[in-house]
Protein backbone atom coordinates (compact mmCIF):
# COMPACT_ATOMS: atom_id res chain seq x y z
CA MET A 1 -91.28 -75.47 79.60
CA MET A 2 -88.72 -75.82 76.82
CA SER A 3 -86.10 -77.06 79.30
CA LEU A 4 -88.43 -79.82 80.43
CA VAL A 5 -88.87 -80.94 76.84
CA VAL A 6 -85.15 -81.08 76.13
CA ALA A 7 -84.30 -82.75 79.41
CA GLU A 8 -85.92 -86.05 78.53
CA GLU A 9 -83.92 -88.32 76.29
CA SER A 10 -86.71 -90.38 74.77
CA PRO A 11 -90.25 -89.10 75.35
CA THR A 12 -92.07 -92.01 73.75
CA GLY A 13 -89.54 -94.87 73.73
CA PRO A 14 -88.87 -96.99 70.63
CA ALA A 15 -92.06 -95.78 68.95
CA GLY A 16 -90.83 -92.20 69.36
CA ARG A 17 -87.48 -93.05 67.77
CA ILE A 18 -89.19 -94.68 64.80
CA GLY A 19 -91.53 -91.70 64.47
CA LEU A 20 -88.61 -89.28 64.56
CA ARG A 21 -86.89 -91.30 61.86
CA TYR A 22 -89.92 -91.09 59.56
CA PHE A 23 -90.36 -87.40 60.36
CA SER A 24 -86.75 -86.71 59.37
CA LEU A 25 -87.17 -88.68 56.14
CA TYR A 26 -90.33 -86.70 55.35
CA ARG A 27 -88.47 -83.42 55.83
CA LEU A 28 -85.56 -84.62 53.67
CA ALA A 29 -87.95 -85.71 50.89
CA LEU A 30 -89.76 -82.35 51.04
CA ALA A 31 -86.49 -80.42 50.92
CA THR A 32 -85.28 -82.52 47.99
CA LEU A 33 -88.51 -81.82 46.11
CA PHE A 34 -88.14 -78.07 46.60
CA LEU A 35 -84.50 -78.23 45.50
CA ILE A 36 -85.37 -80.16 42.33
CA LEU A 37 -88.03 -77.60 41.48
CA VAL A 38 -85.52 -74.78 41.92
CA TRP A 39 -82.91 -76.50 39.78
CA SER A 40 -85.45 -77.19 37.05
CA ARG A 41 -85.90 -73.41 36.66
CA GLY A 42 -89.61 -73.90 36.25
CA LEU A 43 -91.30 -73.28 39.60
CA PRO A 44 -95.04 -73.92 39.34
CA ALA A 45 -97.29 -71.16 40.59
CA PRO A 46 -97.52 -69.96 43.29
CA LEU A 47 -94.05 -71.15 44.37
CA GLY A 48 -91.63 -68.21 44.37
CA THR A 49 -93.99 -65.91 42.48
CA ASP A 50 -93.05 -62.82 44.52
CA HIS A 51 -89.41 -63.51 45.43
CA PRO A 52 -87.92 -66.38 43.38
CA ALA A 53 -84.36 -65.67 44.55
CA LEU A 54 -85.40 -65.92 48.20
CA PHE A 55 -87.29 -69.13 47.50
CA GLY A 56 -84.19 -70.68 45.92
CA THR A 57 -81.92 -69.62 48.79
CA VAL A 58 -84.27 -70.99 51.43
CA ALA A 59 -84.64 -74.25 49.48
CA HIS A 60 -80.87 -74.80 49.48
CA VAL A 61 -80.51 -73.96 53.18
CA TYR A 62 -83.50 -76.11 54.08
CA PHE A 63 -82.01 -79.09 52.21
CA GLY A 64 -78.67 -78.67 53.99
CA LEU A 65 -80.35 -78.52 57.40
CA ALA A 66 -82.44 -81.59 56.58
CA VAL A 67 -79.25 -83.52 55.76
CA LEU A 68 -77.66 -82.35 59.03
CA ALA A 69 -80.76 -83.50 60.89
CA GLN A 70 -80.36 -86.97 59.40
CA ILE A 71 -76.70 -87.07 60.46
CA ALA A 72 -77.62 -85.94 63.99
CA LEU A 73 -80.26 -88.67 64.16
CA TRP A 74 -77.87 -91.40 63.02
CA THR A 75 -75.04 -90.33 65.36
CA ARG A 76 -77.39 -89.47 68.27
CA ALA A 77 -75.63 -86.14 68.68
CA ALA A 78 -78.49 -84.75 70.79
CA PRO A 79 -81.46 -86.07 72.78
CA GLU A 80 -84.37 -87.08 70.61
CA SER A 81 -86.75 -84.56 72.18
CA ALA A 82 -84.27 -81.77 71.40
CA GLN A 83 -84.03 -82.98 67.81
CA VAL A 84 -87.82 -82.95 67.44
CA LEU A 85 -88.02 -79.42 68.83
CA ALA A 86 -85.20 -78.18 66.59
CA GLN A 87 -86.71 -79.73 63.46
CA VAL A 88 -90.16 -78.28 64.12
CA LEU A 89 -88.76 -74.79 64.76
CA LEU A 90 -86.65 -74.98 61.59
CA ASP A 91 -89.72 -76.08 59.65
CA ILE A 92 -91.68 -73.09 60.96
CA ALA A 93 -88.92 -70.66 59.97
CA ALA A 94 -88.38 -72.21 56.52
CA VAL A 95 -92.08 -72.56 55.68
CA THR A 96 -92.73 -68.95 56.73
CA LEU A 97 -90.01 -67.76 54.35
CA PHE A 98 -91.41 -69.99 51.60
CA MET A 99 -94.81 -68.45 52.27
CA TYR A 100 -93.45 -64.91 52.04
CA ALA A 101 -91.72 -65.69 48.75
CA SER A 102 -94.82 -67.35 47.29
CA GLY A 103 -97.57 -64.80 47.86
CA GLY A 104 -98.51 -65.10 51.52
CA VAL A 105 -100.95 -67.36 53.31
CA GLY A 106 -102.94 -67.93 50.14
CA SER A 107 -100.09 -70.05 48.74
CA GLY A 108 -101.10 -73.05 50.84
CA PHE A 109 -97.86 -73.41 52.81
CA GLY A 110 -99.82 -73.17 56.04
CA THR A 111 -100.68 -76.86 55.67
CA LEU A 112 -97.00 -77.73 56.07
CA LEU A 113 -96.95 -75.78 59.33
CA VAL A 114 -99.90 -77.77 60.64
CA VAL A 115 -98.24 -81.07 59.67
CA SER A 116 -94.92 -80.26 61.36
CA ILE A 117 -96.49 -78.97 64.59
CA ALA A 118 -98.91 -81.90 64.80
CA ILE A 119 -96.16 -84.50 64.27
CA GLY A 120 -93.89 -82.74 66.76
CA GLY A 121 -96.69 -82.74 69.32
CA LEU A 122 -97.30 -86.45 68.82
CA LEU A 123 -93.62 -87.34 69.14
CA THR A 124 -93.30 -85.40 72.42
CA GLU A 125 -96.71 -86.35 73.84
CA GLY A 126 -98.06 -82.85 73.25
CA ARG A 127 -95.36 -80.99 75.20
CA ILE A 128 -94.27 -78.72 72.35
CA ALA A 129 -97.59 -78.34 70.52
CA TYR A 130 -98.70 -75.09 72.11
CA PRO A 131 -95.26 -73.36 72.26
CA CYS A 132 -94.55 -74.23 68.63
CA ALA A 133 -98.05 -73.20 67.57
CA GLY A 134 -97.54 -69.84 69.27
CA PHE A 135 -94.17 -69.42 67.56
CA ALA A 136 -95.74 -70.28 64.20
CA THR A 137 -98.51 -67.74 64.77
CA CYS A 138 -95.99 -64.98 65.52
CA ALA A 139 -93.96 -65.97 62.45
CA VAL A 140 -96.95 -65.89 60.09
CA LEU A 141 -98.23 -62.62 61.52
CA THR A 142 -94.76 -61.12 61.03
CA GLU A 143 -94.78 -62.38 57.45
CA GLU A 144 -98.16 -60.75 56.82
CA LEU A 145 -96.95 -57.52 58.44
CA CYS A 146 -93.95 -57.48 56.10
CA ARG A 147 -96.26 -57.93 53.14
CA TRP A 148 -98.41 -55.07 54.41
CA LEU A 149 -95.32 -52.87 54.70
CA ASP A 150 -94.52 -53.78 51.09
CA SER A 151 -97.87 -52.19 50.16
CA ASP A 152 -99.38 -55.56 49.29
CA LEU A 153 -102.56 -54.80 51.20
CA ARG A 154 -104.70 -57.44 49.56
CA ALA A 155 -102.32 -60.24 50.57
CA ALA A 156 -102.49 -59.47 54.29
CA ASP A 157 -104.60 -62.01 56.13
CA TYR A 158 -104.46 -61.99 59.92
CA THR A 159 -107.27 -64.43 60.67
CA ARG A 160 -105.97 -67.64 59.10
CA PRO A 161 -103.00 -68.16 61.52
CA ALA A 162 -105.42 -68.49 64.44
CA TYR A 163 -107.25 -71.27 62.59
CA TRP A 164 -103.94 -73.09 61.97
CA VAL A 165 -103.05 -72.87 65.66
CA ARG A 166 -106.40 -74.39 66.62
CA ARG A 167 -105.99 -77.26 64.15
CA SER A 168 -102.32 -78.03 64.90
CA SER A 169 -102.47 -77.77 68.71
CA ARG A 170 -105.72 -79.73 69.10
CA PRO A 171 -105.07 -83.07 70.90
CA PRO A 172 -105.58 -86.05 68.57
CA MET A 173 -108.74 -88.12 68.99
CA SER A 174 -108.17 -91.67 70.13
CA VAL A 175 -109.43 -94.62 68.16
CA THR A 176 -111.84 -95.66 70.90
CA ALA A 177 -113.41 -92.19 71.06
CA TRP A 178 -114.08 -92.04 67.33
CA PRO A 179 -117.29 -94.20 67.24
CA GLY A 180 -118.82 -92.18 70.08
CA ALA A 181 -118.05 -88.91 68.32
CA CYS A 182 -119.64 -90.20 65.12
CA ALA A 183 -122.74 -91.31 67.02
CA ARG A 184 -123.09 -87.90 68.64
CA ALA A 185 -122.71 -86.17 65.28
CA ARG A 186 -125.35 -88.38 63.63
CA PRO A 187 -128.64 -86.51 63.19
CA THR A 188 -131.49 -87.88 65.26
CA PRO A 189 -134.75 -88.66 63.44
CA HIS A 190 -137.69 -86.43 64.23
CA ALA A 191 -140.24 -88.09 66.47
CA ARG A 192 -143.75 -88.27 65.14
CA PRO A 193 -146.37 -86.42 67.22
CA PRO A 194 -148.75 -88.74 69.05
CA ILE A 195 -152.18 -89.17 67.49
CA SER A 196 -154.90 -88.10 69.89
CA LYS A 197 -158.22 -89.94 70.23
CA THR A 198 -160.20 -86.93 69.09
CA SER A 199 -158.33 -86.79 65.79
CA ARG A 200 -159.13 -90.44 65.13
CA ALA A 201 -162.78 -89.83 65.70
């Protein structure tokens, strides 16, 4: 399955190239924000509450990889589908380490996982959504297992990764299907019971 994804040069044409460009800029902005927070020596909670040194190391590596991703995009060093796959996998690895350094799944970093997997699925027409969601689930479960081995029993949460997989790998709803879904979700008014002739009398 992965070989089929990498084999295609441009899965979605010009729109896919523009989307990949914005995705790379988003990752670079996020990495720059983390790096500024590390350099300011005042990480807001819960960022780096458990392992601040690990958080700082991952922030520097993540920024360097985001810059390399921009260079690869400009020079077209690899097919665009391969770049999308590589960026999503790097996001999963980096966000999982951020999560481990910041107190586990309760830190809120799972939202970044959902964003990266969802964008990667859109840019490749859904081809990498399920494989990347499975990889993210294994990564988060490994992170929670490591926290459990560190005797942090209260921080272990094995149910939330399944919810993230369901949200991130769900196919997006089209614009035309949205009004129908809203109509189906609208509560129907209760019908009044018919008035019999005997009750009128």
